[in-house]
Amino acid sequence: MNFQKAEFHTACGKLSQLPAADRMEFAFLGRSNVGKSTLINTLASRKNLARVSAVPGKTATINFYAVEHVWLVDLPGYGYAKTSKSEQERLRRLITGYLQADRDLRLAVQLIDMRHAPSADDVAMINRLIDEEIPFIIVFTKADKLNKTEREQRMAAFAEEIPCFEDIHAIPFSAKTFEGQEVLRELLSEIAEEEE
């Protein structure tokens, strides 16, 4: 799969705006500012494919990117406390509605900041993916910000903090050093090629 050919397709503020479910999809989930848009840009080797902001909660729509016969789906971040209650609820409905829609979701990529314990929202999302039997992996972002010892401590802690952690494929990732970029590309390409 040639990620460099990724093109922005559409931004959906409502479920009624979702494009036709005519191809497989990889969805990127995580709390606000965890690095979903940055991850998509890194996969595509582009700086500005997905809009990145230093301000959390910037992605307020479901953004679809076309790569060959696949949709990359950038879901809004959850759990940003400074968003109004009504906006938090709208985003929650948007994410839930997408996950429950009749779409060809092959893999959810759950992003968690490697430096911190998963939030209650992260754990709730992981439990939902498990309960609804949606295939998923975890990508630990910002891996470059930890030294070897800190990383080992966090990985040991994740084993306690994340439900069923021993059964989940996890990839440490850094947009700065590109750690995990090829591993993730290969995994997504492998799933995409199963179809052809």
Protein backbone atom coordinates (compact mmCIF):
# COMPACT_ATOMS: atom_id res chain seq x y z
CA MET A 1 0.00 0.00 0.00
CA ASN A 2 1.52 3.30 -1.04
CA PHE A 3 0.76 5.64 1.85
CA GLN A 4 2.43 8.54 0.02
CA LYS A 5 -0.58 8.52 -2.33
CA ALA A 6 -2.97 9.33 0.54
CA GLU A 7 -5.39 12.12 -0.32
CA PHE A 8 -7.83 14.00 1.90
CA HIS A 9 -11.36 13.05 0.85
CA THR A 10 -13.93 14.56 3.21
CA ALA A 11 -14.63 15.87 6.73
CA CYS A 12 -17.90 14.78 8.35
CA GLY A 13 -19.45 16.71 11.22
CA LYS A 14 -22.55 14.48 11.11
CA LEU A 15 -23.02 10.74 10.61
CA SER A 16 -25.30 11.47 7.64
CA GLN A 17 -22.25 12.91 5.82
CA LEU A 18 -20.14 9.72 5.99
CA PRO A 19 -18.98 8.60 2.53
CA ALA A 20 -20.25 5.34 1.06
CA ALA A 21 -18.90 2.27 2.90
CA ASP A 22 -17.48 0.92 -0.35
CA ARG A 23 -14.00 -0.04 0.85
CA MET A 24 -12.20 -1.28 3.94
CA GLU A 25 -11.36 1.20 6.66
CA PHE A 26 -8.64 1.71 9.27
CA ALA A 27 -9.84 4.01 12.07
CA PHE A 28 -7.56 6.04 14.35
CA LEU A 29 -8.88 6.62 17.89
CA GLY A 30 -7.55 8.34 20.98
CA ARG A 31 -7.89 11.22 23.35
CA SER A 32 -7.40 14.80 22.20
CA ASN A 33 -3.81 15.73 21.33
CA VAL A 34 -2.49 12.13 21.48
CA GLY A 35 -1.17 12.46 17.92
CA LYS A 36 -3.75 10.88 15.56
CA SER A 37 -3.31 13.47 12.81
CA THR A 38 0.48 13.45 13.27
CA LEU A 39 0.48 9.65 12.94
CA ILE A 40 -1.48 9.83 9.66
CA ASN A 41 0.94 12.49 8.35
CA THR A 42 3.92 10.31 9.34
CA LEU A 43 2.46 7.25 7.60
CA ALA A 44 1.94 9.32 4.46
CA SER A 45 5.38 11.02 4.73
CA ARG A 46 3.62 14.39 4.53
CA LYS A 47 3.56 17.33 6.91
CA ASN A 48 0.14 18.75 6.14
CA LEU A 49 -2.10 15.94 4.92
CA ALA A 50 -3.98 15.85 8.25
CA ARG A 51 -4.30 19.19 10.02
CA VAL A 52 -2.26 19.16 13.22
CA SER A 53 -2.70 21.63 16.05
CA ALA A 54 -0.97 22.27 19.36
CA VAL A 55 -4.47 22.98 20.72
CA PRO A 56 -6.25 19.81 21.87
CA GLY A 57 -9.69 19.07 20.47
CA LYS A 58 -8.95 20.56 17.05
CA THR A 59 -10.27 17.60 15.04
CA ALA A 60 -14.03 18.02 15.55
CA THR A 61 -15.01 16.00 12.48
CA ILE A 62 -14.44 12.48 11.18
CA ASN A 63 -11.84 12.95 8.45
CA PHE A 64 -11.51 10.43 5.62
CA TYR A 65 -8.29 9.95 3.64
CA ALA A 66 -8.20 7.74 0.56
CA VAL A 67 -5.20 5.43 0.05
CA GLU A 68 -5.72 3.12 -2.91
CA HIS A 69 -8.75 0.93 -1.99
CA VAL A 70 -8.73 1.89 1.71
CA TRP A 71 -10.12 4.70 3.88
CA LEU A 72 -7.90 6.01 6.69
CA VAL A 73 -10.39 7.45 9.18
CA ASP A 74 -9.20 10.12 11.64
CA LEU A 75 -11.79 10.22 14.43
CA PRO A 76 -12.18 13.24 16.73
CA GLY A 77 -10.24 13.09 19.98
CA TYR A 78 -12.18 12.41 23.15
CA GLY A 79 -11.80 13.54 26.75
CA TYR A 80 -10.71 17.17 26.30
CA ALA A 81 -12.06 18.83 29.45
CA LYS A 82 -12.12 22.37 28.06
CA THR A 83 -14.65 21.45 25.38
CA SER A 84 -18.24 22.37 26.31
CA LYS A 85 -20.45 19.53 27.60
CA SER A 86 -22.66 19.75 24.50
CA GLU A 87 -19.65 19.54 22.16
CA GLN A 88 -18.19 16.61 24.15
CA GLU A 89 -21.55 14.85 23.78
CA ARG A 90 -21.67 15.61 20.02
CA LEU A 91 -18.17 14.15 19.56
CA ARG A 92 -19.03 11.11 21.69
CA ARG A 93 -22.13 10.47 19.52
CA LEU A 94 -20.06 10.92 16.36
CA ILE A 95 -17.41 8.39 17.47
CA THR A 96 -20.00 5.91 18.82
CA GLY A 97 -22.14 6.27 15.71
CA TYR A 98 -19.16 5.62 13.46
CA LEU A 99 -18.12 2.50 15.42
CA GLN A 100 -21.68 1.15 15.34
CA ALA A 101 -22.30 1.93 11.66
CA ASP A 102 -22.39 -0.89 9.14
CA ARG A 103 -18.94 -0.24 7.68
CA ASP A 104 -16.00 -2.43 6.68
CA LEU A 105 -13.84 -1.47 9.67
CA ARG A 106 -10.87 -3.87 9.45
CA LEU A 107 -8.75 -2.37 12.20
CA ALA A 108 -9.03 0.28 14.88
CA VAL A 109 -5.73 1.87 15.85
CA GLN A 110 -6.05 3.01 19.48
CA LEU A 111 -3.45 5.68 20.29
CA ILE A 112 -2.15 6.18 23.83
CA ASP A 113 0.58 8.62 24.92
CA MET A 114 3.39 6.35 26.08
CA ARG A 115 4.41 8.76 28.85
CA HIS A 116 1.15 8.45 30.78
CA ALA A 117 -1.25 5.89 32.18
CA PRO A 118 -4.28 5.43 29.92
CA SER A 119 -7.17 7.73 30.82
CA ALA A 120 -10.54 6.34 31.99
CA ASP A 121 -11.79 7.20 28.46
CA ASP A 122 -8.95 5.16 26.91
CA VAL A 123 -9.80 2.14 29.06
CA ALA A 124 -13.52 2.53 28.27
CA MET A 125 -12.69 2.65 24.53
CA ILE A 126 -10.48 -0.46 24.76
CA ASN A 127 -13.24 -2.31 26.63
CA ARG A 128 -15.74 -1.24 23.97
CA LEU A 129 -13.48 -2.50 21.15
CA ILE A 130 -13.09 -5.82 22.99
CA ASP A 131 -16.85 -6.11 23.76
CA GLU A 132 -17.90 -5.24 20.21
CA GLU A 133 -15.21 -7.56 18.80
CA ILE A 134 -13.66 -4.80 16.67
CA PRO A 135 -10.10 -5.84 15.77
CA PHE A 136 -7.64 -3.30 17.15
CA ILE A 137 -4.05 -2.59 18.03
CA ILE A 138 -2.51 -0.03 20.37
CA VAL A 139 0.04 2.49 19.15
CA PHE A 140 2.00 4.17 21.95
CA THR A 141 2.79 7.68 20.68
CA LYS A 142 5.61 10.03 21.72
CA ALA A 143 7.90 7.06 22.44
CA ASP A 144 10.99 9.25 21.80
CA LYS A 145 10.23 11.26 24.95
CA LEU A 146 11.09 8.35 27.27
CA ASN A 147 14.50 6.87 28.01
CA LYS A 148 15.00 3.09 28.11
CA THR A 149 14.28 2.75 31.84
CA GLU A 150 11.18 4.98 31.74
CA ARG A 151 9.90 3.02 28.76
CA GLU A 152 10.36 -0.32 30.52
CA GLN A 153 8.54 1.05 33.57
CA ARG A 154 5.63 2.33 31.44
CA MET A 155 5.32 -0.97 29.54
CA ALA A 156 5.22 -2.90 32.83
CA ALA A 157 2.59 -0.48 34.13
CA PHE A 158 0.49 -0.77 30.93
CA ALA A 159 0.28 -4.52 31.55
CA GLU A 160 -1.60 -3.68 34.78
CA GLU A 161 -3.54 -0.65 33.48
CA ILE A 162 -4.85 -1.92 30.14
CA PRO A 163 -7.43 -4.73 30.01
CA CYS A 164 -6.21 -7.92 28.24
CA PHE A 165 -2.89 -6.20 27.51
CA GLU A 166 -1.00 -9.47 26.98
CA ASP A 167 -3.32 -10.27 24.04
CA ILE A 168 -3.05 -6.86 22.32
CA HIS A 169 -0.53 -6.08 19.57
CA ALA A 170 1.22 -2.87 20.70
CA ILE A 171 3.60 -0.68 18.68
CA PRO A 172 5.77 2.06 20.22
CA PHE A 173 5.73 5.01 17.80
CA SER A 174 7.52 8.31 17.34
CA ALA A 175 6.81 10.89 14.66
CA LYS A 176 10.20 12.43 15.46
CA THR A 177 12.44 9.34 15.10
CA PHE A 178 9.97 7.37 12.88
CA GLU A 179 10.14 4.43 15.28
CA GLY A 180 7.21 2.12 14.55
CA GLN A 181 6.40 3.78 11.21
CA GLU A 182 7.45 0.83 9.03
CA VAL A 183 5.97 -1.75 11.41
CA LEU A 184 2.60 0.00 11.25
CA ARG A 185 2.76 0.51 7.47
CA GLU A 186 3.55 -3.17 6.95
CA LEU A 187 0.74 -4.30 9.25
CA LEU A 188 -1.86 -2.10 7.52
CA SER A 189 -0.57 -3.08 4.06
CA GLU A 190 -0.80 -6.76 4.98
CA ILE A 191 -4.46 -6.37 6.02
CA ALA A 192 -5.20 -4.31 2.89
CA GLU A 193 -3.64 -6.93 0.63
CA GLU A 194 -5.71 -9.77 2.11
CA GLU A 195 -8.60 -8.26 0.16
CA GLU A 196 -6.97 -8.18 -3.27
